[in-house]
Amino acid sequence: MELVGVQIDVANEGDTAAAVYRSGFRLALADGTGAEPLNGQEPAFAYSVDLPASHELDGWLTFEVPQGASIDSLLWSPDRGATYALGIQ
Protein backbone atom coordinates (compact mmCIF):
# COMPACT_ATOMS: atom_id res chain seq x y z
CA MET A 1 0.00 0.00 0.00
CA GLU A 2 1.04 3.62 -0.48
CA LEU A 3 -0.27 7.02 0.59
CA VAL A 4 -1.60 9.55 -1.93
CA GLY A 5 -2.26 13.20 -1.04
CA VAL A 6 -4.81 15.37 -2.84
CA GLN A 7 -4.89 19.10 -2.19
CA ILE A 8 -8.40 20.55 -2.37
CA ASP A 9 -9.95 23.99 -2.17
CA VAL A 10 -13.67 24.33 -1.43
CA ALA A 11 -15.38 27.70 -1.92
CA ASN A 12 -18.81 28.51 -0.51
CA GLU A 13 -20.21 30.93 -3.07
CA GLY A 14 -23.67 30.84 -1.51
CA ASP A 15 -25.19 33.31 0.93
CA THR A 16 -25.54 30.86 3.85
CA ALA A 17 -23.09 28.64 5.72
CA ALA A 18 -22.49 25.14 4.35
CA ALA A 19 -21.33 22.00 6.14
CA VAL A 20 -18.37 20.27 4.48
CA TYR A 21 -17.37 16.78 5.63
CA ARG A 22 -14.11 14.95 4.88
CA SER A 23 -16.18 11.76 4.62
CA GLY A 24 -17.99 13.28 1.62
CA PHE A 25 -14.84 12.71 -0.47
CA ARG A 26 -13.68 9.40 -1.96
CA LEU A 27 -10.89 8.50 -4.35
CA ALA A 28 -12.04 6.43 -7.34
CA LEU A 29 -9.44 4.04 -8.72
CA ALA A 30 -9.30 2.86 -12.34
CA ASP A 31 -10.06 -0.76 -11.32
CA GLY A 32 -13.50 0.29 -9.99
CA THR A 33 -12.55 0.28 -6.31
CA GLY A 34 -12.22 3.31 -4.08
CA ALA A 35 -10.50 4.69 -1.01
CA GLU A 36 -11.79 6.72 1.92
CA PRO A 37 -9.80 9.73 3.19
CA LEU A 38 -7.55 9.48 6.23
CA ASN A 39 -6.34 12.18 8.57
CA GLY A 40 -2.84 12.63 7.22
CA GLN A 41 -0.82 15.22 5.35
CA GLU A 42 -0.79 18.72 6.87
CA PRO A 43 -2.61 20.94 6.67
CA ALA A 44 -5.18 18.17 6.79
CA PHE A 45 -8.76 18.79 5.71
CA ALA A 46 -10.81 18.73 8.91
CA TYR A 47 -13.40 16.00 9.54
CA SER A 48 -16.21 18.56 9.46
CA VAL A 49 -16.31 22.29 8.85
CA ASP A 50 -19.12 24.83 8.97
CA LEU A 51 -17.98 26.96 6.03
CA PRO A 52 -19.39 30.51 6.18
CA ALA A 53 -20.85 32.14 3.07
CA SER A 54 -18.26 33.66 0.71
CA HIS A 55 -15.36 31.78 2.37
CA GLU A 56 -12.89 29.18 1.13
CA LEU A 57 -11.25 26.23 2.79
CA ASP A 58 -8.20 24.40 1.58
CA GLY A 59 -6.27 21.42 2.84
CA TRP A 60 -5.08 17.93 2.04
CA LEU A 61 -6.91 14.63 1.84
CA THR A 62 -4.74 11.55 2.30
CA PHE A 63 -5.70 8.15 0.90
CA GLU A 64 -4.15 4.71 1.27
CA VAL A 65 -4.20 2.90 -2.07
CA PRO A 66 -2.60 -0.28 -3.47
CA GLN A 67 0.99 0.20 -4.65
CA GLY A 68 0.97 1.53 -8.25
CA ALA A 69 -2.81 1.99 -8.38
CA SER A 70 -4.13 4.14 -11.20
CA ILE A 71 -6.34 6.98 -9.94
CA ASP A 72 -9.47 7.82 -11.91
CA SER A 73 -11.02 10.76 -10.04
CA LEU A 74 -11.91 12.37 -6.74
CA LEU A 75 -15.59 11.91 -5.92
CA TRP A 76 -17.38 14.50 -3.81
CA SER A 77 -20.86 13.93 -2.38
CA PRO A 78 -21.83 17.17 -0.62
CA ASP A 79 -25.24 15.67 0.19
CA ARG A 80 -27.13 12.44 -0.44
CA GLY A 81 -28.63 13.73 -3.69
CA ALA A 82 -25.50 14.60 -5.65
CA THR A 83 -22.04 13.23 -6.42
CA TYR A 84 -19.43 15.01 -8.50
CA ALA A 85 -16.40 13.40 -10.15
CA LEU A 86 -13.40 15.70 -10.24
CA GLY A 87 -10.45 14.93 -12.52
CA ILE A 88 -7.05 14.35 -10.90
CA GLN A 89 -3.91 15.84 -12.43
C-alpha atoms as a PDB file:
ATOM      1  CA  MET A   1       0.000   0.000   0.000  1.00  0.00           C
ATOM      2  CA  GLU A   2       1.037   3.618  -0.480  1.00  0.00           C
ATOM      3  CA  LEU A   3      -0.273   7.021   0.588  1.00  0.00           C
ATOM      4  CA  VAL A   4      -1.595   9.547  -1.927  1.00  0.00           C
ATOM      5  CA  GLY A   5      -2.260  13.197  -1.037  1.00  0.00           C
ATOM      6  CA  VAL A   6      -4.815  15.369  -2.842  1.00  0.00           C
ATOM      7  CA  GLN A   7      -4.886  19.098  -2.192  1.00  0.00           C
ATOM      8  CA  ILE A   8      -8.396  20.546  -2.368  1.00  0.00           C
ATOM      9  CA  ASP A   9      -9.949  23.987  -2.172  1.00  0.00           C
ATOM     10  CA  VAL A  10     -13.670  24.333  -1.430  1.00  0.00           C
ATOM     11  CA  ALA A  11     -15.381  27.700  -1.924  1.00  0.00           C
ATOM     12  CA  ASN A  12     -18.805  28.508  -0.512  1.00  0.00           C
ATOM     13  CA  GLU A  13     -20.206  30.931  -3.074  1.00  0.00           C
ATOM     14  CA  GLY A  14     -23.667  30.842  -1.506  1.00  0.00           C
ATOM     15  CA  ASP A  15     -25.191  33.306   0.932  1.00  0.00           C
ATOM     16  CA  THR A  16     -25.542  30.861   3.846  1.00  0.00           C
ATOM     17  CA  ALA A  17     -23.088  28.637   5.718  1.00  0.00           C
ATOM     18  CA  ALA A  18     -22.485  25.142   4.354  1.00  0.00           C
ATOM     19  CA  ALA A  19     -21.330  21.999   6.141  1.00  0.00           C
ATOM     20  CA  VAL A  20     -18.365  20.269   4.482  1.00  0.00           C
ATOM     21  CA  TYR A  21     -17.366  16.778   5.625  1.00  0.00           C
ATOM     22  CA  ARG A  22     -14.114  14.949   4.880  1.00  0.00           C
ATOM     23  CA  SER A  23     -16.180  11.755   4.617  1.00  0.00           C
ATOM     24  CA  GLY A  24     -17.987  13.285   1.617  1.00  0.00           C
ATOM     25  CA  PHE A  25     -14.835  12.707  -0.469  1.00  0.00           C
ATOM     26  CA  ARG A  26     -13.682   9.398  -1.962  1.00  0.00           C
ATOM     27  CA  LEU A  27     -10.888   8.501  -4.346  1.00  0.00           C
ATOM     28  CA  ALA A  28     -12.042   6.425  -7.341  1.00  0.00           C
ATOM     29  CA  LEU A  29      -9.442   4.037  -8.724  1.00  0.00           C
ATOM     30  CA  ALA A  30      -9.298   2.862 -12.339  1.00  0.00           C
ATOM     31  CA  ASP A  31     -10.063  -0.760 -11.318  1.00  0.00           C
ATOM     32  CA  GLY A  32     -13.495   0.294  -9.993  1.00  0.00           C
ATOM     33  CA  THR A  33     -12.546   0.283  -6.309  1.00  0.00           C
ATOM     34  CA  GLY A  34     -12.217   3.312  -4.083  1.00  0.00           C
ATOM     35  CA  ALA A  35     -10.502   4.685  -1.014  1.00  0.00           C
ATOM     36  CA  GLU A  36     -11.786   6.719   1.925  1.00  0.00           C
ATOM     37  CA  PRO A  37      -9.798   9.728   3.186  1.00  0.00           C
ATOM     38  CA  LEU A  38      -7.545   9.476   6.232  1.00  0.00           C
ATOM     39  CA  ASN A  39      -6.338  12.184   8.571  1.00  0.00           C
ATOM     40  CA  GLY A  40      -2.835  12.631   7.219  1.00  0.00           C
ATOM     41  CA  GLN A  41      -0.824  15.216   5.347  1.00  0.00           C
ATOM     42  CA  GLU A  42      -0.791  18.718   6.866  1.00  0.00           C
ATOM     43  CA  PRO A  43      -2.608  20.936   6.670  1.00  0.00           C
ATOM     44  CA  ALA A  44      -5.185  18.172   6.792  1.00  0.00           C
ATOM     45  CA  PHE A  45      -8.755  18.795   5.709  1.00  0.00           C
ATOM     46  CA  ALA A  46     -10.806  18.727   8.914  1.00  0.00           C
ATOM     47  CA  TYR A  47     -13.396  16.000   9.545  1.00  0.00           C
ATOM     48  CA  SER A  48     -16.214  18.556   9.456  1.00  0.00           C
ATOM     49  CA  VAL A  49     -16.311  22.289   8.848  1.00  0.00           C
ATOM     50  CA  ASP A  50     -19.121  24.828   8.973  1.00  0.00           C
ATOM     51  CA  LEU A  51     -17.981  26.962   6.033  1.00  0.00           C
ATOM     52  CA  PRO A  52     -19.392  30.513   6.184  1.00  0.00           C
ATOM     53  CA  ALA A  53     -20.847  32.144   3.074  1.00  0.00           C
ATOM     54  CA  SER A  54     -18.258  33.661   0.712  1.00  0.00           C
ATOM     55  CA  HIS A  55     -15.364  31.782   2.370  1.00  0.00           C
ATOM     56  CA  GLU A  56     -12.890  29.183   1.127  1.00  0.00           C
ATOM     57  CA  LEU A  57     -11.253  26.227   2.789  1.00  0.00           C
ATOM     58  CA  ASP A  58      -8.202  24.395   1.575  1.00  0.00           C
ATOM     59  CA  GLY A  59      -6.275  21.424   2.836  1.00  0.00           C
ATOM     60  CA  TRP A  60      -5.079  17.931   2.035  1.00  0.00           C
ATOM     61  CA  LEU A  61      -6.914  14.634   1.841  1.00  0.00           C
ATOM     62  CA  THR A  62      -4.743  11.547   2.304  1.00  0.00           C
ATOM     63  CA  PHE A  63      -5.703   8.154   0.899  1.00  0.00           C
ATOM     64  CA  GLU A  64      -4.152   4.710   1.272  1.00  0.00           C
ATOM     65  CA  VAL A  65      -4.198   2.899  -2.072  1.00  0.00           C
ATOM     66  CA  PRO A  66      -2.597  -0.281  -3.467  1.00  0.00           C
ATOM     67  CA  GLN A  67       0.992   0.202  -4.649  1.00  0.00           C
ATOM     68  CA  GLY A  68       0.974   1.529  -8.245  1.00  0.00           C
ATOM     69  CA  ALA A  69      -2.812   1.990  -8.376  1.00  0.00           C
ATOM     70  CA  SER A  70      -4.129   4.140 -11.197  1.00  0.00           C
ATOM     71  CA  ILE A  71      -6.336   6.978  -9.939  1.00  0.00           C
ATOM     72  CA  ASP A  72      -9.470   7.819 -11.911  1.00  0.00           C
ATOM     73  CA  SER A  73     -11.023  10.755 -10.042  1.00  0.00           C
ATOM     74  CA  LEU A  74     -11.907  12.374  -6.741  1.00  0.00           C
ATOM     75  CA  LEU A  75     -15.589  11.908  -5.925  1.00  0.00           C
ATOM     76  CA  TRP A  76     -17.380  14.497  -3.811  1.00  0.00           C
ATOM     77  CA  SER A  77     -20.857  13.935  -2.381  1.00  0.00           C
ATOM     78  CA  PRO A  78     -21.832  17.173  -0.622  1.00  0.00           C
ATOM     79  CA  ASP A  79     -25.237  15.667   0.190  1.00  0.00           C
ATOM     80  CA  ARG A  80     -27.133  12.438  -0.441  1.00  0.00           C
ATOM     81  CA  GLY A  81     -28.632  13.732  -3.685  1.00  0.00           C
ATOM     82  CA  ALA A  82     -25.503  14.598  -5.652  1.00  0.00           C
ATOM     83  CA  THR A  83     -22.043  13.226  -6.423  1.00  0.00           C
ATOM     84  CA  TYR A  84     -19.428  15.007  -8.499  1.00  0.00           C
ATOM     85  CA  ALA A  85     -16.404  13.398 -10.149  1.00  0.00           C
ATOM     86  CA  LEU A  86     -13.397  15.704 -10.238  1.00  0.00           C
ATOM     87  CA  GLY A  87     -10.454  14.926 -12.518  1.00  0.00           C
ATOM     88  CA  ILE A  88      -7.052  14.349 -10.895  1.00  0.00           C
ATOM     89  CA  GLN A  89      -3.911  15.845 -12.431  1.00  0.00           C
END
